[in-house]
Amino acid sequence: MPGWWEIKLTIAAADGTIGSREAKACANAEAVLRLIGRLVQDRTAAQWKVLDVLRSVRLGTHGTHVSVGLIWILILSAQVAIKGLRLSVTSRLFRLGLFWHFLDIAWVGIFSVVYLPGLL
């Protein structure tokens, strides 16, 4: 679809109100604008690719930490069932609780910083 400058240039050239020098200048300006538009589109596409990669890394890291935490919960549940609540097992349970709650706090922070600013 032609841009407004192409239509204007065509009408002016048909009327004879524009010389070849001015037509060449308009054509050069159009070429520069098209080049800038392509560069902006390409840059935007590259930025979207980077954002997609960062989102995948962020979600993958969170998923890994949740999976590790769930495996840790299963292992400690087995230890509590086998060994009971000894000092060594309660110490591990305390560390698991710290890990799990820190994971929740970190995810709430990441969620707030990454996803909520667009809504505010």
C-alpha atoms as a PDB file:
ATOM      1  CA  MET A   1       0.000   0.000   0.000  1.00  0.00           C
ATOM      2  CA  PRO A   2       1.504   3.355  -0.946  1.00  0.00           C
ATOM      3  CA  GLY A   3       2.317   5.887   1.728  1.00  0.00           C
ATOM      4  CA  TRP A   4       0.897   9.395   1.747  1.00  0.00           C
ATOM      5  CA  TRP A   5       4.181  10.812   0.402  1.00  0.00           C
ATOM      6  CA  GLU A   6       4.045   8.468  -2.598  1.00  0.00           C
ATOM      7  CA  ILE A   7       0.557   9.616  -3.498  1.00  0.00           C
ATOM      8  CA  LYS A   8       1.513  13.279  -3.039  1.00  0.00           C
ATOM      9  CA  LEU A   9       4.681  12.793  -5.092  1.00  0.00           C
ATOM     10  CA  THR A  10       2.736  11.103  -7.893  1.00  0.00           C
ATOM     11  CA  ILE A  11       0.149  13.909  -8.028  1.00  0.00           C
ATOM     12  CA  ALA A  12       2.854  16.601  -7.950  1.00  0.00           C
ATOM     13  CA  ALA A  13       4.827  14.876 -10.690  1.00  0.00           C
ATOM     14  CA  ALA A  14       1.698  14.563 -12.840  1.00  0.00           C
ATOM     15  CA  ASP A  15       0.874  18.256 -12.333  1.00  0.00           C
ATOM     16  CA  GLY A  16       4.397  19.258 -13.234  1.00  0.00           C
ATOM     17  CA  THR A  17       4.679  21.247  -9.986  1.00  0.00           C
ATOM     18  CA  ILE A  18       7.664  19.214  -8.830  1.00  0.00           C
ATOM     19  CA  GLY A  19      10.976  18.992 -10.604  1.00  0.00           C
ATOM     20  CA  SER A  20      13.138  15.918 -11.012  1.00  0.00           C
ATOM     21  CA  ARG A  21      15.535  17.174  -8.337  1.00  0.00           C
ATOM     22  CA  GLU A  22      12.756  17.462  -5.772  1.00  0.00           C
ATOM     23  CA  ALA A  23      11.334  14.105  -6.825  1.00  0.00           C
ATOM     24  CA  LYS A  24      14.739  12.513  -6.272  1.00  0.00           C
ATOM     25  CA  ALA A  25      14.988  14.150  -2.826  1.00  0.00           C
ATOM     26  CA  CYS A  26      11.533  12.818  -1.917  1.00  0.00           C
ATOM     27  CA  ALA A  27      12.443   9.351  -3.157  1.00  0.00           C
ATOM     28  CA  ASN A  28      15.648   9.432  -1.077  1.00  0.00           C
ATOM     29  CA  ALA A  29      13.721  10.566   1.996  1.00  0.00           C
ATOM     30  CA  GLU A  30      11.257   7.738   1.453  1.00  0.00           C
ATOM     31  CA  ALA A  31      14.091   5.216   1.168  1.00  0.00           C
ATOM     32  CA  VAL A  32      15.621   6.481   4.412  1.00  0.00           C
ATOM     33  CA  LEU A  33      12.271   6.291   6.211  1.00  0.00           C
ATOM     34  CA  ARG A  34      11.679   2.753   4.979  1.00  0.00           C
ATOM     35  CA  LEU A  35      15.173   1.750   6.140  1.00  0.00           C
ATOM     36  CA  ILE A  36      14.570   3.261   9.586  1.00  0.00           C
ATOM     37  CA  GLY A  37      11.212   1.458   9.768  1.00  0.00           C
ATOM     38  CA  ARG A  38      12.838  -1.866   8.939  1.00  0.00           C
ATOM     39  CA  LEU A  39      15.571  -1.310  11.526  1.00  0.00           C
ATOM     40  CA  VAL A  40      12.985  -0.503  14.199  1.00  0.00           C
ATOM     41  CA  GLN A  41      10.923  -3.575  13.287  1.00  0.00           C
ATOM     42  CA  ASP A  42      13.988  -5.820  13.354  1.00  0.00           C
ATOM     43  CA  ARG A  43      15.129  -4.380  16.655  1.00  0.00           C
ATOM     44  CA  THR A  44      11.706  -4.876  18.148  1.00  0.00           C
ATOM     45  CA  ALA A  45      11.652  -8.499  16.962  1.00  0.00           C
ATOM     46  CA  ALA A  46      15.091  -9.043  18.521  1.00  0.00           C
ATOM     47  CA  GLN A  47      13.930  -7.485  21.765  1.00  0.00           C
ATOM     48  CA  TRP A  48      10.902  -9.803  21.814  1.00  0.00           C
ATOM     49  CA  LYS A  49      13.201 -12.786  21.312  1.00  0.00           C
ATOM     50  CA  VAL A  50      15.337 -11.667  24.263  1.00  0.00           C
ATOM     51  CA  LEU A  51      12.237 -11.190  26.421  1.00  0.00           C
ATOM     52  CA  ASP A  52      11.002 -14.663  25.469  1.00  0.00           C
ATOM     53  CA  VAL A  53      14.356 -16.167  26.445  1.00  0.00           C
ATOM     54  CA  LEU A  54      14.385 -14.284  29.754  1.00  0.00           C
ATOM     55  CA  ARG A  55      10.832 -15.407  30.509  1.00  0.00           C
ATOM     56  CA  SER A  56      11.787 -19.007  29.784  1.00  0.00           C
ATOM     57  CA  VAL A  57      14.854 -18.771  32.015  1.00  0.00           C
ATOM     58  CA  ARG A  58      12.847 -17.146  34.810  1.00  0.00           C
ATOM     59  CA  LEU A  59      10.068 -19.740  34.681  1.00  0.00           C
ATOM     60  CA  GLY A  60      12.525 -22.616  34.250  1.00  0.00           C
ATOM     61  CA  THR A  61      14.537 -21.491  37.268  1.00  0.00           C
ATOM     62  CA  HIS A  62      11.396 -21.195  39.351  1.00  0.00           C
ATOM     63  CA  GLY A  63      10.213 -24.621  38.201  1.00  0.00           C
ATOM     64  CA  THR A  64      13.581 -26.153  39.051  1.00  0.00           C
ATOM     65  CA  HIS A  65      13.528 -24.675  42.552  1.00  0.00           C
ATOM     66  CA  VAL A  66       9.964 -25.877  43.143  1.00  0.00           C
ATOM     67  CA  SER A  67      10.867 -29.367  41.889  1.00  0.00           C
ATOM     68  CA  VAL A  68      13.950 -29.500  44.136  1.00  0.00           C
ATOM     69  CA  GLY A  69      11.828 -28.333  47.059  1.00  0.00           C
ATOM     70  CA  LEU A  70       9.185 -30.993  46.441  1.00  0.00           C
ATOM     71  CA  ILE A  71      11.813 -33.731  46.197  1.00  0.00           C
ATOM     72  CA  TRP A  72      13.369 -32.405  49.410  1.00  0.00           C
ATOM     73  CA  ILE A  73       9.942 -32.532  51.112  1.00  0.00           C
ATOM     74  CA  LEU A  74       9.480 -36.163  50.046  1.00  0.00           C
ATOM     75  CA  ILE A  75      12.951 -37.143  51.295  1.00  0.00           C
ATOM     76  CA  LEU A  76      12.447 -35.426  54.641  1.00  0.00           C
ATOM     77  CA  SER A  77       8.976 -36.954  55.007  1.00  0.00           C
ATOM     78  CA  ALA A  78      10.588 -40.372  54.602  1.00  0.00           C
ATOM     79  CA  GLN A  79      13.299 -39.461  57.147  1.00  0.00           C
ATOM     80  CA  VAL A  80      10.694 -38.309  59.665  1.00  0.00           C
ATOM     81  CA  ALA A  81       8.745 -41.544  59.129  1.00  0.00           C
ATOM     82  CA  ILE A  82      11.874 -43.695  59.556  1.00  0.00           C
ATOM     83  CA  LYS A  83      13.981 -41.793  62.116  1.00  0.00           C
ATOM     84  CA  GLY A  84      11.373 -39.704  63.907  1.00  0.00           C
ATOM     85  CA  LEU A  85      11.930 -36.106  64.981  1.00  0.00           C
ATOM     86  CA  ARG A  86      15.566 -36.260  66.012  1.00  0.00           C
ATOM     87  CA  LEU A  87      17.670 -33.128  66.258  1.00  0.00           C
ATOM     88  CA  SER A  88      19.342 -33.757  62.880  1.00  0.00           C
ATOM     89  CA  VAL A  89      15.983 -34.248  61.135  1.00  0.00           C
ATOM     90  CA  THR A  90      14.378 -31.195  62.753  1.00  0.00           C
ATOM     91  CA  SER A  91      17.388 -29.115  61.683  1.00  0.00           C
ATOM     92  CA  ARG A  92      16.860 -30.259  58.092  1.00  0.00           C
ATOM     93  CA  LEU A  93      13.133 -29.516  58.366  1.00  0.00           C
ATOM     94  CA  PHE A  94      13.947 -26.007  59.570  1.00  0.00           C
ATOM     95  CA  ARG A  95      16.265 -25.455  56.563  1.00  0.00           C
ATOM     96  CA  LEU A  96      13.597 -26.817  54.224  1.00  0.00           C
ATOM     97  CA  GLY A  97      11.075 -24.374  55.696  1.00  0.00           C
ATOM     98  CA  LEU A  98      13.476 -21.469  55.156  1.00  0.00           C
ATOM     99  CA  PHE A  99      14.106 -22.570  51.565  1.00  0.00           C
ATOM    100  CA  TRP A 100      10.423 -23.000  50.780  1.00  0.00           C
ATOM    101  CA  HIS A 101       9.338 -19.670  52.271  1.00  0.00           C
ATOM    102  CA  PHE A 102      12.226 -17.827  50.633  1.00  0.00           C
ATOM    103  CA  LEU A 103      11.133 -19.345  47.330  1.00  0.00           C
ATOM    104  CA  ASP A 104       7.616 -17.990  47.884  1.00  0.00           C
ATOM    105  CA  ILE A 105       8.888 -14.538  48.813  1.00  0.00           C
ATOM    106  CA  ALA A 106      11.249 -14.445  45.827  1.00  0.00           C
ATOM    107  CA  TRP A 107       8.482 -15.473  43.421  1.00  0.00           C
ATOM    108  CA  VAL A 108       6.076 -12.854  44.797  1.00  0.00           C
ATOM    109  CA  GLY A 109       8.835 -10.251  44.351  1.00  0.00           C
ATOM    110  CA  ILE A 110       9.635 -11.360  40.801  1.00  0.00           C
ATOM    111  CA  PHE A 111       5.952 -11.510  39.915  1.00  0.00           C
ATOM    112  CA  SER A 112       5.373  -8.007  41.305  1.00  0.00           C
ATOM    113  CA  VAL A 113       8.331  -6.485  39.476  1.00  0.00           C
ATOM    114  CA  VAL A 114       7.900  -8.271  36.152  1.00  0.00           C
ATOM    115  CA  TYR A 115       4.163  -8.701  35.652  1.00  0.00           C
ATOM    116  CA  LEU A 116       2.345  -6.067  37.740  1.00  0.00           C
ATOM    117  CA  PRO A 117       3.890  -2.805  36.430  1.00  0.00           C
ATOM    118  CA  GLY A 118       1.947  -3.210  33.190  1.00  0.00           C
ATOM    119  CA  LEU A 119      -1.297  -3.313  35.188  1.00  0.00           C
ATOM    120  CA  LEU A 120      -0.636  -0.310  37.408  1.00  0.00           C
END
